Amino acid sequence: MNQVNCPICGKKCVKSGKTKAGSQCWLCKSCKTSSTHKINNESKELQFFLNWLFGKESQAMMPGEGRTFRRKTVKFWNIWAMPPKVEGIRDVLFLDGIYLSRKACVLICCDEKHVLGWYLCRYEHAEAWIALMKRIAEPRMVVSDGGTGFAKALKKIWPKAKHQRCVFHVFCQVKRYTTSRPNTAAGAELYMLAKELLRIKNKKESKMWIEHFFEWIQTYQKFLEEMTIDENGKKRPTHERLLKAERALHKLIRERTLFTYLDEELKDDFSAPSTNNRIEGGVNSRLREMLRNHRGLSIERRIKAVYWWCYMHSPEPLPLSEIVKVMPTEQSIAAIYQRMNEKNRLEKSLSIWGDAIVWSDLHKIDRTFDGWD
């Protein structure tokens, strides 16, 4: 049996009878304190919970259809596994968002091996990306699928990082407009051009691709300029979907984010990726598989399941016994919100008391709080 130490002075304890309930009593000869040593099984129960969450076993297959499991592990749904602050500089980072419902999206950042950060928001926008990125050191290169507001956040938080748009997502975007079986010659050629993006390996091939793209624009310029009168009598482009695909590709060429992976400075130091496959195939696919295995979870528990997976795949997760002590719970977060609301009520009441002008003259109040979306 493990050595029992006194909770008061830390000295060695010896056995000293038992309680009426049959528990072993321990006596400290130094300070004469008598106590009972309680075994903490929380870390074992947390490991049991995580094994179930990351595995394929359903609760219906457990003894008693999982009633004992739910009773012992329900407390872990109360914990929010929060991301660490990453100060080490990486060469390449991958960023993407995974939607868990119409108004619940988790933005995720990872490197080649670990998940470095995650952030919950209603949808992808610049402020949410900023909240995620500001906890992570600026990398040399960023690969993303071009989520809403990402470019603005990148310019503000990581201005020196080079941006690579995932070429596979670019191909999928063009395919969405042209379909895989275009009905027009212009659509068929543009679809084949987009397909060639996945096979470009050097600068020479990228320049040839850009030349072919602009030749396609010149060849079908009149075709793309054709207009149609709709039911309301208004003119609109006949080939609107092709125009959207053309403008999307033209924008990427203009911003120089389509062939960043071919940059000689980057290629000399590390293997620059052209796609976001690391986060799509290594993180998001695993998260979707986990949620499929445990389908039926409420949206709040789906979010917490993603948080648990991301934290346990972060660079240096804490021991299970420390996670229970350190991570915030529903109660602690509610207390933070309560303090925030009390502060807001106090600030609003100052104008009623009549000294709001004096308060604003003597204090600078920062009403923004970017810790929550």
Protein backbone atom coordinates (compact mmCIF):
# COMPACT_ATOMS: atom_id res chain seq x y z
CA MET A 1 0.00 0.00 0.00
CA ASN A 2 1.19 3.54 -0.69
CA GLN A 3 2.64 5.59 2.15
CA VAL A 4 0.09 7.87 3.86
CA ASN A 5 1.34 11.28 4.96
CA CYS A 6 -0.25 13.71 7.38
CA PRO A 7 -2.41 16.36 5.63
CA ILE A 8 -1.28 18.94 8.25
CA CYS A 9 2.47 18.57 8.62
CA GLY A 10 3.27 16.07 5.85
CA LYS A 11 4.99 13.57 8.19
CA LYS A 12 4.56 9.79 8.04
CA CYS A 13 1.33 8.36 9.50
CA VAL A 14 0.72 5.00 11.16
CA LYS A 15 -2.44 2.90 11.43
CA SER A 16 -4.67 3.76 14.36
CA GLY A 17 -7.80 1.61 14.39
CA LYS A 18 -10.88 1.97 12.23
CA THR A 19 -14.01 4.08 12.15
CA LYS A 20 -17.56 2.75 12.71
CA ALA A 21 -17.94 2.53 8.95
CA GLY A 22 -14.83 0.32 8.75
CA SER A 23 -12.48 2.90 7.22
CA GLN A 24 -8.82 2.79 8.27
CA CYS A 25 -7.72 5.61 10.62
CA TRP A 26 -4.21 7.07 10.42
CA LEU A 27 -2.33 8.85 13.20
CA CYS A 28 0.49 11.33 12.80
CA LYS A 29 2.96 10.87 15.68
CA SER A 30 4.39 14.31 15.08
CA CYS A 31 1.28 16.52 15.37
CA LYS A 32 -1.11 13.87 16.80
CA THR A 33 -3.62 14.40 13.98
CA SER A 34 -5.97 11.54 13.21
CA SER A 35 -7.43 11.22 9.71
CA THR A 36 -8.80 8.78 7.18
CA HIS A 37 -7.10 8.37 3.82
CA LYS A 38 -9.56 8.59 0.96
CA ILE A 39 -8.56 7.11 -2.38
CA ASN A 40 -9.23 9.50 -5.26
CA ASN A 41 -10.45 7.58 -8.29
CA GLU A 42 -11.22 10.65 -10.41
CA SER A 43 -8.23 10.17 -12.70
CA LYS A 44 -9.20 6.52 -13.35
CA GLU A 45 -12.80 7.53 -14.00
CA LEU A 46 -11.65 10.29 -16.36
CA GLN A 47 -9.49 7.80 -18.28
CA PHE A 48 -12.51 5.48 -18.52
CA PHE A 49 -14.59 8.39 -19.83
CA LEU A 50 -11.98 9.39 -22.45
CA ASN A 51 -11.53 5.79 -23.61
CA TRP A 52 -15.27 5.61 -24.25
CA LEU A 53 -15.38 9.05 -25.91
CA PHE A 54 -12.51 8.33 -28.30
CA GLY A 55 -13.57 4.74 -28.92
CA LYS A 56 -16.45 3.01 -30.70
CA GLU A 57 -18.15 1.30 -27.76
CA SER A 58 -21.74 2.37 -27.13
CA GLN A 59 -23.22 2.70 -23.66
CA ALA A 60 -25.90 0.16 -24.58
CA MET A 61 -23.17 -2.52 -24.74
CA MET A 62 -21.95 -1.76 -21.22
CA PRO A 63 -23.15 -3.64 -18.10
CA GLY A 64 -26.48 -2.25 -17.00
CA GLU A 65 -26.76 -0.42 -20.34
CA GLY A 66 -24.27 2.16 -19.13
CA ARG A 67 -26.14 3.41 -16.04
CA THR A 68 -23.07 3.02 -13.77
CA PHE A 69 -20.84 4.60 -16.43
CA ARG A 70 -23.10 7.64 -16.72
CA ARG A 71 -23.31 8.06 -12.96
CA LYS A 72 -19.53 8.01 -12.53
CA THR A 73 -18.61 10.13 -15.56
CA VAL A 74 -21.40 12.72 -15.78
CA LYS A 75 -19.20 15.18 -13.82
CA PHE A 76 -16.66 15.27 -16.68
CA TRP A 77 -19.26 16.79 -19.04
CA ASN A 78 -19.12 19.75 -16.66
CA ILE A 79 -15.47 20.49 -17.58
CA TRP A 80 -14.29 22.70 -20.44
CA ALA A 81 -10.89 21.52 -21.74
CA MET A 82 -9.30 24.86 -22.69
CA PRO A 83 -6.41 25.29 -25.15
CA PRO A 84 -2.86 26.13 -23.98
CA LYS A 85 -0.86 29.17 -24.99
CA VAL A 86 1.66 28.16 -27.68
CA GLU A 87 4.89 30.17 -27.72
CA GLY A 88 7.10 27.88 -29.80
CA ILE A 89 7.43 28.97 -33.44
CA ARG A 90 6.34 26.47 -36.12
CA ASP A 91 7.21 26.48 -39.81
CA VAL A 92 3.72 25.56 -41.02
CA LEU A 93 0.30 25.79 -39.38
CA PHE A 94 -3.02 24.49 -40.70
CA LEU A 95 -6.28 26.25 -39.84
CA ASP A 96 -9.86 25.24 -40.50
CA GLY A 97 -13.32 25.26 -38.94
CA ILE A 98 -15.70 22.37 -38.26
CA TYR A 99 -19.44 23.08 -37.99
CA LEU A 100 -21.33 21.10 -35.35
CA SER A 101 -24.67 22.77 -36.08
CA ARG A 102 -25.96 25.77 -37.99
CA LYS A 103 -24.77 28.18 -35.30
CA ALA A 104 -21.89 26.32 -33.67
CA CYS A 105 -18.45 26.21 -35.28
CA VAL A 106 -15.12 25.22 -33.71
CA LEU A 107 -12.07 26.83 -35.32
CA ILE A 108 -8.99 24.61 -35.06
CA CYS A 109 -5.26 25.23 -35.55
CA CYS A 110 -2.72 22.40 -35.74
CA ASP A 111 0.78 21.62 -36.93
CA GLU A 112 2.06 18.37 -38.41
CA LYS A 113 1.68 16.47 -35.12
CA HIS A 114 -0.50 18.27 -32.58
CA VAL A 115 -3.56 20.44 -32.15
CA LEU A 116 -2.37 23.85 -30.95
CA GLY A 117 -5.58 25.80 -30.47
CA TRP A 118 -9.36 25.79 -30.83
CA TYR A 119 -12.09 28.38 -30.46
CA LEU A 120 -15.88 28.18 -30.36
CA CYS A 121 -17.94 30.67 -32.38
CA ARG A 122 -21.31 30.91 -34.10
CA TYR A 123 -19.74 31.16 -37.55
CA GLU A 124 -16.36 31.94 -39.17
CA HIS A 125 -15.51 35.63 -38.97
CA ALA A 126 -12.43 37.80 -38.44
CA GLU A 127 -12.82 38.36 -34.68
CA ALA A 128 -13.17 34.64 -34.03
CA TRP A 129 -10.03 33.89 -36.07
CA ILE A 130 -8.18 36.63 -34.17
CA ALA A 131 -9.20 35.12 -30.82
CA LEU A 132 -7.77 31.76 -31.95
CA MET A 133 -4.56 33.05 -33.55
CA LYS A 134 -3.43 35.50 -30.88
CA ARG A 135 -2.66 32.62 -28.45
CA ILE A 136 -0.27 31.01 -30.94
CA ALA A 137 3.14 32.24 -32.06
CA GLU A 138 3.37 33.47 -35.65
CA PRO A 139 4.51 30.73 -38.08
CA ARG A 140 6.36 31.14 -41.36
CA MET A 141 3.54 29.71 -43.45
CA VAL A 142 -0.21 29.23 -43.00
CA VAL A 143 -2.44 26.86 -44.97
CA SER A 144 -6.21 27.43 -44.93
CA ASP A 145 -9.33 26.87 -47.01
CA GLY A 146 -10.16 30.57 -47.20
CA GLY A 147 -12.78 30.82 -44.45
CA THR A 148 -14.72 34.05 -44.02
CA GLY A 149 -12.66 36.76 -42.30
CA PHE A 150 -9.45 34.71 -42.23
CA ALA A 151 -7.44 37.03 -44.52
CA LYS A 152 -8.29 40.04 -42.35
CA ALA A 153 -7.28 38.22 -39.16
CA LEU A 154 -4.05 36.96 -40.75
CA LYS A 155 -3.03 40.46 -41.76
CA LYS A 156 -3.66 41.75 -38.23
CA ILE A 157 -2.21 38.94 -36.05
CA TRP A 158 0.38 37.20 -38.27
CA PRO A 159 1.37 39.87 -40.83
CA LYS A 160 4.69 38.23 -41.76
CA ALA A 161 3.31 34.71 -42.30
CA LYS A 162 2.87 33.60 -45.91
CA HIS A 163 -0.57 32.33 -46.84
CA GLN A 164 -1.28 29.26 -48.95
CA ARG A 165 -4.85 28.59 -50.07
CA CYS A 166 -5.51 24.86 -50.12
CA VAL A 167 -5.44 23.95 -53.81
CA PHE A 168 -7.81 21.03 -53.28
CA HIS A 169 -10.42 23.40 -51.84
CA VAL A 170 -9.83 25.72 -54.80
CA PHE A 171 -10.48 22.80 -57.17
CA CYS A 172 -13.64 21.87 -55.24
CA GLN A 173 -14.86 25.46 -55.42
CA VAL A 174 -14.47 25.55 -59.20
CA LYS A 175 -16.06 22.11 -59.49
CA ARG A 176 -19.05 23.37 -57.50
CA TYR A 177 -19.62 26.07 -60.13
CA THR A 178 -18.85 24.05 -63.27
CA THR A 179 -19.94 20.56 -62.06
CA SER A 180 -17.87 17.52 -63.04
CA ARG A 181 -19.70 17.28 -66.38
CA PRO A 182 -19.96 20.82 -67.78
CA ASN A 183 -22.44 21.45 -70.59
CA THR A 184 -20.34 24.12 -72.31
CA ALA A 185 -16.85 24.12 -73.81
CA ALA A 186 -15.82 27.02 -71.55
CA GLY A 187 -16.94 25.13 -68.46
CA ALA A 188 -15.18 21.94 -69.55
CA GLU A 189 -11.88 23.77 -70.15
CA LEU A 190 -12.09 25.64 -66.85
CA TYR A 191 -12.81 22.40 -65.01
CA MET A 192 -9.72 20.78 -66.58
CA LEU A 193 -7.62 23.83 -65.67
CA ALA A 194 -8.75 23.54 -62.05
CA LYS A 195 -7.92 19.84 -62.10
CA GLU A 196 -4.38 20.61 -63.27
CA LEU A 197 -3.82 22.66 -60.10
CA LEU A 198 -3.42 19.41 -58.16
CA ARG A 199 -0.45 18.35 -60.31
CA ILE A 200 1.71 21.49 -60.39
CA LYS A 201 5.15 20.85 -58.87
CA ASN A 202 7.37 23.82 -59.77
CA LYS A 203 7.42 27.52 -60.67
CA LYS A 204 7.59 26.90 -64.41
CA GLU A 205 4.42 24.82 -64.37
CA SER A 206 2.64 27.44 -62.25
CA LYS A 207 3.51 30.22 -64.72
CA MET A 208 2.26 28.10 -67.61
CA TRP A 209 -0.98 27.44 -65.72
CA ILE A 210 -1.55 31.18 -65.17
CA GLU A 211 -0.90 31.84 -68.88
CA HIS A 212 -3.43 29.17 -69.86
CA PHE A 213 -5.96 30.66 -67.47
CA PHE A 214 -5.69 34.14 -68.98
CA GLU A 215 -5.84 32.63 -72.47
CA TRP A 216 -9.10 30.95 -71.42
CA ILE A 217 -10.47 34.36 -70.32
CA GLN A 218 -9.56 35.95 -73.67
CA THR A 219 -10.97 33.04 -75.67
CA TYR A 220 -14.35 33.06 -73.97
CA GLN A 221 -14.60 36.76 -73.10
CA LYS A 222 -17.60 37.41 -75.34
CA PHE A 223 -19.22 34.18 -74.19
CA LEU A 224 -18.89 35.24 -70.53
CA GLU A 225 -20.26 38.72 -71.29
CA GLU A 226 -23.58 37.34 -72.58
CA MET A 227 -26.59 38.69 -70.68
CA THR A 228 -30.08 37.30 -70.03
CA ILE A 229 -33.26 39.15 -69.06
CA ASP A 230 -34.90 37.52 -66.05
CA GLU A 231 -38.58 37.38 -65.06
CA ASN A 232 -38.39 40.85 -63.47
CA GLY A 233 -37.04 42.41 -66.66
CA LYS A 234 -33.53 42.86 -65.26
CA LYS A 235 -30.33 41.88 -67.05
CA ARG A 236 -28.04 39.33 -65.45
CA PRO A 237 -25.06 37.31 -66.72
CA THR A 238 -26.10 34.23 -68.65
CA HIS A 239 -23.11 32.24 -67.39
CA GLU A 240 -23.07 33.58 -63.83
CA ARG A 241 -21.58 30.45 -62.26
CA LEU A 242 -18.63 30.45 -64.68
CA LEU A 243 -18.02 34.11 -63.90
CA LYS A 244 -17.93 33.34 -60.17
CA ALA A 245 -15.36 30.60 -60.72
CA GLU A 246 -13.26 32.89 -62.95
CA ARG A 247 -13.34 35.73 -60.40
CA ALA A 248 -12.40 33.39 -57.54
CA LEU A 249 -9.32 32.12 -59.41
CA HIS A 250 -8.38 35.62 -60.57
CA LYS A 251 -8.53 36.88 -56.97
CA LEU A 252 -6.18 34.12 -55.74
CA ILE A 253 -3.68 34.92 -58.50
CA ARG A 254 -3.84 38.62 -57.66
CA GLU A 255 -3.33 37.97 -53.93
CA ARG A 256 -0.49 35.49 -54.66
CA THR A 257 -1.88 32.81 -52.36
CA LEU A 258 -2.35 30.06 -54.95
CA PHE A 259 1.29 28.96 -55.37
CA THR A 260 2.92 29.98 -52.09
CA TYR A 261 4.10 26.40 -51.58
CA LEU A 262 6.45 26.86 -54.55
CA ASP A 263 8.31 29.77 -52.91
CA GLU A 264 12.04 29.02 -53.09
CA GLU A 265 12.76 30.52 -49.65
CA LEU A 266 10.27 28.16 -48.01
CA LYS A 267 11.22 25.07 -50.03
CA ASP A 268 14.87 25.39 -49.00
CA ASP A 269 14.00 25.19 -45.27
CA PHE A 270 11.07 22.74 -45.12
CA SER A 271 8.55 20.88 -47.23
CA ALA A 272 5.84 23.46 -47.93
CA PRO A 273 2.41 21.82 -48.29
CA SER A 274 -0.13 22.82 -50.93
CA THR A 275 -3.25 21.40 -49.26
CA ASN A 276 -5.00 21.44 -45.91
CA ASN A 277 -5.08 17.64 -45.78
CA ARG A 278 -3.34 17.53 -42.39
CA ILE A 279 -6.25 19.13 -40.58
CA GLU A 280 -8.99 17.81 -42.87
CA GLY A 281 -7.82 14.20 -42.81
CA GLY A 282 -5.97 14.08 -39.48
CA VAL A 283 -8.22 16.18 -37.23
CA ASN A 284 -11.63 16.98 -38.70
CA SER A 285 -12.20 13.46 -40.04
CA ARG A 286 -11.34 11.99 -36.62
CA LEU A 287 -13.70 14.43 -34.92
CA ARG A 288 -16.54 13.59 -37.30
CA GLU A 289 -15.92 9.87 -36.73
CA MET A 290 -16.07 10.39 -32.95
CA LEU A 291 -19.35 12.30 -33.23
CA ARG A 292 -20.81 9.62 -35.52
CA ASN A 293 -19.88 6.88 -33.04
CA HIS A 294 -21.71 8.78 -30.29
CA ARG A 295 -24.51 10.36 -32.31
CA GLY A 296 -27.37 11.59 -30.21
CA LEU A 297 -25.27 13.87 -27.99
CA SER A 298 -26.69 17.32 -27.31
CA ILE A 299 -25.01 20.22 -29.09
CA GLU A 300 -23.29 21.29 -25.84
CA ARG A 301 -21.83 17.82 -25.33
CA ARG A 302 -20.78 17.64 -28.98
CA ILE A 303 -18.81 20.85 -28.46
CA LYS A 304 -17.24 19.54 -25.25
CA ALA A 305 -16.36 16.24 -26.96
CA VAL A 306 -14.44 18.21 -29.62
CA TYR A 307 -12.72 20.18 -26.85
CA TRP A 308 -11.69 16.98 -25.05
CA TRP A 309 -10.29 15.43 -28.25
CA CYS A 310 -8.35 18.57 -29.16
CA TYR A 311 -6.88 18.96 -25.68
CA MET A 312 -5.76 15.33 -25.39
CA HIS A 313 -4.02 15.74 -28.79
CA SER A 314 -2.31 19.01 -27.83
CA PRO A 315 1.51 19.09 -27.40
CA GLU A 316 1.69 18.66 -23.61
CA PRO A 317 -1.65 17.80 -21.97
CA LEU A 318 -1.67 17.81 -18.17
CA PRO A 319 -1.92 14.58 -16.18
CA LEU A 320 -5.51 13.46 -15.70
CA SER A 321 -5.39 14.23 -11.98
CA GLU A 322 -4.35 17.82 -12.73
CA ILE A 323 -6.95 18.32 -15.47
CA VAL A 324 -9.78 17.81 -12.98
CA LYS A 325 -8.27 20.44 -10.66
CA VAL A 326 -7.24 23.06 -13.20
CA MET A 327 -9.77 23.11 -16.06
CA PRO A 328 -12.74 25.51 -15.75
CA THR A 329 -16.21 24.14 -15.07
CA GLU A 330 -19.71 25.36 -15.81
CA GLN A 331 -19.87 26.92 -12.34
CA SER A 332 -16.58 28.81 -12.65
CA ILE A 333 -17.52 30.17 -16.09
CA ALA A 334 -20.95 31.22 -14.81
CA ALA A 335 -19.20 33.08 -11.97
CA ILE A 336 -17.07 34.97 -14.53
CA TYR A 337 -20.17 36.01 -16.45
CA GLN A 338 -21.84 37.10 -13.22
CA ARG A 339 -18.88 39.33 -12.32
CA MET A 340 -18.95 40.80 -15.84
CA ASN A 341 -22.68 41.55 -15.55
CA GLU A 342 -22.20 43.14 -12.14
CA LYS A 343 -19.47 45.37 -13.57
CA ASN A 344 -21.74 46.39 -16.46
CA ARG A 345 -24.59 47.17 -14.07
CA LEU A 346 -22.25 49.29 -11.95
CA GLU A 347 -21.03 51.24 -14.99
CA LYS A 348 -24.62 51.86 -16.14
CA SER A 349 -25.69 53.02 -12.70
CA LEU A 350 -22.91 55.63 -12.55
CA SER A 351 -24.73 57.82 -15.06
CA ILE A 352 -27.84 57.61 -12.88
CA TRP A 353 -25.88 58.80 -9.84
CA GLY A 354 -24.81 61.87 -11.80
CA ASP A 355 -21.01 61.49 -11.77
CA ALA A 356 -20.53 59.65 -15.07
CA ILE A 357 -18.59 62.63 -16.45
CA VAL A 358 -16.16 62.57 -13.55
CA TRP A 359 -15.74 58.79 -13.89
CA SER A 360 -14.97 58.97 -17.61
CA ASP A 361 -12.52 61.82 -17.08
CA LEU A 362 -10.50 59.93 -14.48
CA HIS A 363 -10.69 56.39 -15.87
CA LYS A 364 -10.23 54.69 -19.21
CA ILE A 365 -12.81 51.93 -19.49
CA ASP A 366 -12.16 49.17 -21.96
CA ARG A 367 -15.61 47.79 -22.68
CA THR A 368 -14.35 45.11 -25.06
CA PHE A 369 -13.88 41.55 -23.89
CA ASP A 370 -12.35 39.32 -26.53
CA GLY A 371 -12.09 36.17 -24.43
CA TRP A 372 -15.54 35.04 -25.55
CA ASP A 373 -17.23 35.14 -28.88
